[in-house]
């Protein structure tokens, strides 16, 4: 018997055709893990008894409906696995080269291979939050908060899958590869950081006769915000440019033929000084429905 090293754990994701059911065919995406990244955690949903036993003793608890939660952190790349996770996060599917935030929910199975004969199989997983962060002279990162229906252990994974590894050409993006930042038609602002946050609350649909959720239903509105930080310069009327009306903001991560364009429609907060030493300004764009596009957010593959 040997100890399991966390650095040897392999994680793969499989898109589900039926919520909560491990598929037996389809793509099986390699997930590139960051050092120190944690695996999904199972919650047993303990139901604590309030019965008083003799001598003031408690009556313990029983396992109730289980659930799964955690996060996926990775350096930004362009690969099938990141496209799949973004589809889950925004409740959409790529049509040709365009992914629009909508109401098409999708789930996936998250498999952690701890050893050749020990797998943790998390089914009915969905992304509830997606964050893209970019810093000048630094890395671009993705983060996905995940919730799922259940976790089982298995000695083997049955099925015939198409293994989809991250290609060698999928280099990790850095700040200099965040291009074409456009705010209300202006392309001349000098940005030092940006953070796109997409959040969709989901509630477990628990039922009698089952110890795990039969579905994860979306609740409330999808919140999409983009925070931008840029240098203050002379000759720019920031209040006139970011005037609080519905405007379009977009940026590219990567280059044509490989990268992705992110577009958010929304209103800008009042520009405010974030630090006097470097004379920077920060503004937050809050996503708002665009009737022409029928969305507040879209992601496109750069042709």
Protein backbone atom coordinates (compact mmCIF):
# COMPACT_ATOMS: atom_id res chain seq x y z
CA UNK A 1 0.00 0.00 0.00
CA UNK A 2 1.41 3.40 -1.03
CA UNK A 3 0.47 6.92 -0.08
CA UNK A 4 -1.25 8.98 -2.78
CA UNK A 5 0.55 12.14 -3.85
CA UNK A 6 -1.68 15.07 -4.79
CA UNK A 7 0.65 16.01 -7.64
CA UNK A 8 -0.06 12.65 -9.32
CA UNK A 9 -3.84 13.03 -9.34
CA UNK A 10 -5.31 13.36 -12.83
CA UNK A 11 -8.60 15.14 -13.49
CA UNK A 12 -10.78 14.74 -16.55
CA UNK A 13 -14.21 16.17 -17.42
CA UNK A 14 -16.91 14.46 -19.48
CA UNK A 15 -19.97 16.38 -20.80
CA UNK A 16 -23.18 14.67 -19.65
CA UNK A 17 -26.11 13.88 -21.94
CA UNK A 18 -28.35 13.07 -18.95
CA UNK A 19 -27.96 15.12 -15.79
CA UNK A 20 -26.17 13.20 -13.04
CA UNK A 21 -25.41 10.15 -15.19
CA UNK A 22 -21.83 9.23 -16.06
CA UNK A 23 -21.71 8.88 -19.86
CA UNK A 24 -20.11 5.88 -21.54
CA UNK A 25 -19.12 7.68 -24.75
CA UNK A 26 -18.11 11.17 -25.85
CA UNK A 27 -15.22 13.51 -25.21
CA UNK A 28 -13.16 13.11 -22.07
CA UNK A 29 -11.30 16.37 -21.53
CA UNK A 30 -7.99 16.62 -19.70
CA UNK A 31 -8.08 19.34 -17.05
CA UNK A 32 -4.69 21.03 -16.49
CA UNK A 33 -4.44 21.45 -12.72
CA UNK A 34 -2.60 24.26 -10.97
CA UNK A 35 -0.24 23.44 -8.12
CA UNK A 36 -2.17 23.44 -4.87
CA UNK A 37 -5.55 23.18 -6.61
CA UNK A 38 -8.07 21.28 -4.47
CA UNK A 39 -10.38 18.54 -5.69
CA UNK A 40 -14.17 18.73 -5.41
CA UNK A 41 -15.44 17.98 -1.91
CA UNK A 42 -18.41 15.80 -0.97
CA UNK A 43 -20.91 16.99 1.64
CA UNK A 44 -22.90 14.15 3.20
CA UNK A 45 -25.81 16.43 4.14
CA UNK A 46 -25.97 15.08 7.69
CA UNK A 47 -29.38 15.26 9.35
CA UNK A 48 -28.85 15.75 13.09
CA UNK A 49 -31.41 14.19 15.42
CA UNK A 50 -33.00 16.40 18.06
CA UNK A 51 -34.13 13.40 20.10
CA UNK A 52 -33.04 13.46 23.75
CA UNK A 53 -31.86 10.08 24.94
CA UNK A 54 -31.58 9.08 28.61
CA UNK A 55 -29.01 11.02 30.59
CA UNK A 56 -29.32 14.07 28.26
CA UNK A 57 -27.49 12.20 25.55
CA UNK A 58 -27.96 12.99 21.89
CA UNK A 59 -29.12 10.52 19.27
CA UNK A 60 -26.47 11.32 16.67
CA UNK A 61 -27.10 11.99 13.01
CA UNK A 62 -27.67 10.25 9.70
CA UNK A 63 -26.39 10.98 6.27
CA UNK A 64 -28.90 12.95 4.24
CA UNK A 65 -28.77 14.19 0.67
CA UNK A 66 -25.22 14.52 -0.55
CA UNK A 67 -23.80 17.29 -2.72
CA UNK A 68 -20.49 18.31 -4.26
CA UNK A 69 -18.74 21.67 -4.29
CA UNK A 70 -15.39 23.22 -5.04
CA UNK A 71 -13.57 25.26 -7.63
CA UNK A 72 -11.40 24.84 -10.69
CA UNK A 73 -8.45 27.21 -11.00
CA UNK A 74 -6.30 27.28 -14.10
CA UNK A 75 -4.06 29.53 -16.14
CA UNK A 76 -5.99 30.83 -19.13
CA UNK A 77 -5.70 28.69 -22.24
CA UNK A 78 -7.76 28.08 -25.35
CA UNK A 79 -8.89 24.45 -25.30
CA UNK A 80 -12.00 22.31 -25.50
CA UNK A 81 -12.16 21.95 -21.72
CA UNK A 82 -12.29 25.71 -21.11
CA UNK A 83 -14.94 26.18 -23.80
CA UNK A 84 -17.05 23.48 -22.10
CA UNK A 85 -16.70 25.10 -18.69
CA UNK A 86 -17.64 28.52 -20.07
CA UNK A 87 -20.74 27.01 -21.71
CA UNK A 88 -21.80 25.65 -18.32
CA UNK A 89 -21.09 28.97 -16.59
CA UNK A 90 -23.14 31.13 -19.00
CA UNK A 91 -25.86 28.55 -19.76
CA UNK A 92 -25.21 28.51 -23.48
CA UNK A 93 -23.77 26.49 -26.35
CA UNK A 94 -21.44 27.55 -29.11
CA UNK A 95 -23.31 28.08 -32.36
CA UNK A 96 -20.62 28.28 -35.03
CA UNK A 97 -18.13 30.62 -33.35
CA UNK A 98 -20.47 32.42 -30.93
CA UNK A 99 -21.42 31.53 -27.35
CA UNK A 100 -24.29 33.60 -25.96
CA UNK A 101 -25.32 33.67 -22.33
CA UNK A 102 -28.79 32.15 -22.21
CA UNK A 103 -30.91 29.39 -20.73
CA UNK A 104 -29.31 26.24 -22.17
CA UNK A 105 -27.90 24.55 -19.09
CA UNK A 106 -25.35 21.76 -19.37
CA UNK A 107 -23.75 19.44 -16.83
CA UNK A 108 -20.60 17.37 -16.72
CA UNK A 109 -18.88 14.61 -14.77
CA UNK A 110 -15.66 15.47 -12.94
CA UNK A 111 -13.38 12.44 -12.50
CA UNK A 112 -10.36 12.51 -10.21
CA UNK A 113 -8.01 9.58 -10.77
CA UNK A 114 -6.20 9.09 -7.47
CA UNK A 115 -4.65 5.77 -8.54
CA UNK A 116 -5.05 3.31 -11.38
CA UNK A 117 -7.77 1.55 -9.39
CA UNK A 118 -9.27 4.45 -7.44
CA UNK A 119 -11.47 7.14 -8.97
CA UNK A 120 -13.65 9.80 -7.37
CA UNK A 121 -16.56 10.31 -9.77
CA UNK A 122 -18.52 13.56 -9.34
CA UNK A 123 -21.68 13.66 -11.45
CA UNK A 124 -24.26 16.37 -12.12
CA UNK A 125 -21.68 19.17 -11.98
CA UNK A 126 -22.34 22.74 -13.16
CA UNK A 127 -20.41 25.99 -12.97
CA UNK A 128 -22.05 28.65 -10.81
CA UNK A 129 -19.38 31.33 -11.21
CA UNK A 130 -16.72 32.18 -13.78
CA UNK A 131 -13.96 34.74 -13.25
CA UNK A 132 -11.41 35.86 -15.82
CA UNK A 133 -8.60 37.96 -14.35
CA UNK A 134 -5.78 39.69 -16.20
CA UNK A 135 -2.90 41.78 -14.87
CA UNK A 136 -0.37 43.81 -16.82
CA UNK A 137 3.00 41.98 -16.83
CA UNK A 138 1.28 39.01 -15.20
CA UNK A 139 -0.76 35.94 -15.99
CA UNK A 140 -4.33 35.65 -17.21
CA UNK A 141 -6.30 33.20 -15.08
CA UNK A 142 -9.67 31.45 -15.11
CA UNK A 143 -11.64 30.37 -12.06
CA UNK A 144 -14.86 28.33 -11.98
CA UNK A 145 -16.96 27.63 -8.88
CA UNK A 146 -18.55 24.20 -9.19
CA UNK A 147 -21.51 22.51 -7.55
CA UNK A 148 -22.61 18.95 -8.23
CA UNK A 149 -25.14 16.31 -7.28
CA UNK A 150 -23.11 13.42 -5.94
CA UNK A 151 -19.72 11.75 -5.57
CA UNK A 152 -19.00 8.03 -5.82
CA UNK A 153 -15.82 5.99 -5.68
CA UNK A 154 -15.02 3.49 -8.42
CA UNK A 155 -12.22 1.06 -9.23
CA UNK A 156 -12.57 1.67 -12.98
CA UNK A 157 -14.38 3.91 -15.47
CA UNK A 158 -16.44 1.95 -17.99
CA UNK A 159 -16.94 3.33 -21.48
CA UNK A 160 -15.29 4.28 -24.73
CA UNK A 161 -14.25 7.92 -24.79
CA UNK A 162 -12.40 10.28 -27.09
CA UNK A 163 -9.54 11.50 -24.94
CA UNK A 164 -9.03 15.21 -25.57
CA UNK A 165 -5.72 16.45 -24.21
CA UNK A 166 -4.74 20.10 -23.99
CA UNK A 167 -2.70 20.73 -27.17
CA UNK A 168 0.93 21.78 -26.89
CA UNK A 169 0.01 24.95 -28.79
CA UNK A 170 -2.32 26.02 -25.98
CA UNK A 171 0.17 28.26 -24.26
CA UNK A 172 -0.89 30.13 -21.14
CA UNK A 173 -1.89 33.72 -21.80
CA UNK A 174 -0.23 36.71 -20.17
CA UNK A 175 -1.24 40.34 -19.88
CA UNK A 176 0.39 41.41 -23.14
CA UNK A 177 -1.99 39.05 -24.96
CA UNK A 178 -5.12 40.84 -23.72
CA UNK A 179 -5.76 42.89 -26.84
CA UNK A 180 -8.24 45.29 -28.43
CA UNK A 181 -9.80 46.51 -25.19
CA UNK A 182 -12.66 48.70 -26.41
CA UNK A 183 -14.84 50.80 -24.10
CA UNK A 184 -17.81 52.60 -25.64
CA UNK A 185 -15.88 52.78 -28.93
CA UNK A 186 -12.67 54.10 -27.35
CA UNK A 187 -9.52 52.04 -27.83
CA UNK A 188 -6.92 54.47 -26.51
CA UNK A 189 -7.19 53.91 -22.74
CA UNK A 190 -4.19 52.27 -21.08
CA UNK A 191 -5.42 49.43 -18.91
CA UNK A 192 -3.43 47.76 -16.17
CA UNK A 193 -5.97 45.08 -15.11
CA UNK A 194 -9.43 43.72 -15.75
CA UNK A 195 -11.68 41.16 -14.11
CA UNK A 196 -14.78 39.61 -15.70
CA UNK A 197 -17.16 37.92 -13.25
CA UNK A 198 -20.19 35.87 -14.34
CA UNK A 199 -22.37 34.40 -11.59
CA UNK A 200 -25.51 32.27 -11.79
CA UNK A 201 -27.02 30.96 -8.57
CA UNK A 202 -28.26 27.36 -8.72
CA UNK A 203 -30.41 25.43 -6.26
CA UNK A 204 -30.38 21.67 -5.76
CA UNK A 205 -33.66 19.94 -6.65
CA UNK A 206 -33.90 17.27 -3.95
CA UNK A 207 -36.72 14.74 -3.99
CA UNK A 208 -38.10 12.02 -1.78
CA UNK A 209 -36.79 8.52 -2.55
CA UNK A 210 -33.36 9.85 -3.54
CA UNK A 211 -30.26 10.79 -1.55
CA UNK A 212 -28.93 13.24 -4.16
CA UNK A 213 -30.36 16.09 -6.22
CA UNK A 214 -32.15 15.22 -9.46
CA UNK A 215 -31.22 18.58 -10.93
CA UNK A 216 -29.65 21.99 -10.32
CA UNK A 217 -32.07 24.76 -11.20
CA UNK A 218 -30.98 28.32 -11.92
CA UNK A 219 -32.36 30.95 -9.58
CA UNK A 220 -32.42 34.72 -9.93
CA UNK A 221 -30.71 36.74 -12.63
CA UNK A 222 -27.31 36.04 -14.10
CA UNK A 223 -24.91 38.72 -12.87
CA UNK A 224 -22.12 39.75 -15.22
CA UNK A 225 -19.67 42.47 -14.22
CA UNK A 226 -16.41 43.70 -15.68
CA UNK A 227 -14.02 45.72 -13.53
CA UNK A 228 -11.43 47.78 -15.40
CA UNK A 229 -8.43 49.66 -14.03
CA UNK A 230 -6.54 52.12 -16.20
CA UNK A 231 -4.10 55.02 -15.92
CA UNK A 232 -5.38 58.58 -15.58
CA UNK A 233 -4.16 60.73 -18.47
CA UNK A 234 -4.62 64.30 -19.60
CA UNK A 235 -7.02 65.15 -22.39
CA UNK A 236 -9.56 62.41 -21.60
CA UNK A 237 -13.06 63.19 -20.30
CA UNK A 238 -13.72 59.91 -18.51
CA UNK A 239 -17.14 60.94 -17.21
CA UNK A 240 -18.31 61.77 -20.72
CA UNK A 241 -16.91 58.53 -22.15
CA UNK A 242 -18.28 56.33 -19.37
CA UNK A 243 -21.56 58.18 -19.04
CA UNK A 244 -23.72 55.53 -17.34
CA UNK A 245 -25.86 54.68 -20.37
CA UNK A 246 -25.90 51.21 -21.92
CA UNK A 247 -22.59 50.77 -23.70
CA UNK A 248 -20.51 48.00 -25.25
CA UNK A 249 -17.19 46.87 -23.80
CA UNK A 250 -15.08 44.13 -25.36
CA UNK A 251 -11.60 42.64 -25.23
CA UNK A 252 -9.68 39.78 -26.82
CA UNK A 253 -7.61 37.14 -25.07
CA UNK A 254 -5.22 35.71 -27.65
CA UNK A 255 -4.91 36.26 -31.36
CA UNK A 256 -6.93 35.54 -34.50
CA UNK A 257 -7.52 31.88 -35.24
CA UNK A 258 -6.92 30.88 -31.66
CA UNK A 259 -8.14 33.34 -29.03
CA UNK A 260 -11.52 34.43 -27.67
CA UNK A 261 -13.36 37.76 -27.69
CA UNK A 262 -15.45 38.71 -24.65
CA UNK A 263 -18.22 41.30 -25.04
CA UNK A 264 -20.39 42.71 -22.27
CA UNK A 265 -23.24 45.15 -22.71
CA UNK A 266 -23.99 47.30 -19.70
CA UNK A 267 -23.77 50.48 -17.68
CA UNK A 268 -20.57 51.86 -16.21
CA UNK A 269 -20.16 52.99 -12.62
CA UNK A 270 -18.79 56.45 -11.94
CA UNK A 271 -15.03 56.44 -12.65
CA UNK A 272 -13.13 56.71 -9.38
CA UNK A 273 -9.49 57.06 -8.38
CA UNK A 274 -8.18 53.78 -7.01
CA UNK A 275 -4.64 54.88 -6.09
CA UNK A 276 -3.07 58.31 -6.01
CA UNK A 277 0.52 57.05 -6.27
CA UNK A 278 0.02 55.61 -9.75
CA UNK A 279 -2.96 57.83 -10.67
CA UNK A 280 -5.24 55.00 -11.70
CA UNK A 281 -8.97 54.92 -12.27
CA UNK A 282 -11.33 52.03 -11.79
CA UNK A 283 -14.78 51.48 -13.25
CA UNK A 284 -17.23 48.58 -13.12
CA UNK A 285 -19.45 47.63 -16.04
CA UNK A 286 -22.67 45.93 -14.90
CA UNK A 287 -24.19 43.70 -17.56
CA UNK A 288 -27.54 44.79 -18.96
CA UNK A 289 -29.80 43.17 -21.54
CA UNK A 290 -29.18 44.31 -25.11
CA UNK A 291 -32.42 43.95 -27.09
CA UNK A 292 -30.63 43.84 -30.44
CA UNK A 293 -28.35 40.97 -29.42
CA UNK A 294 -30.86 39.46 -26.97
CA UNK A 295 -28.13 39.02 -24.35
CA UNK A 296 -25.90 40.86 -21.90
CA UNK A 297 -22.77 38.81 -22.57
CA UNK A 298 -21.21 36.82 -25.40
CA UNK A 299 -17.97 35.00 -26.10
CA UNK A 300 -16.64 34.52 -29.62
CA UNK A 301 -13.93 32.41 -31.21
CA UNK A 302 -11.56 34.72 -33.06
CA UNK A 303 -11.64 33.70 -36.75
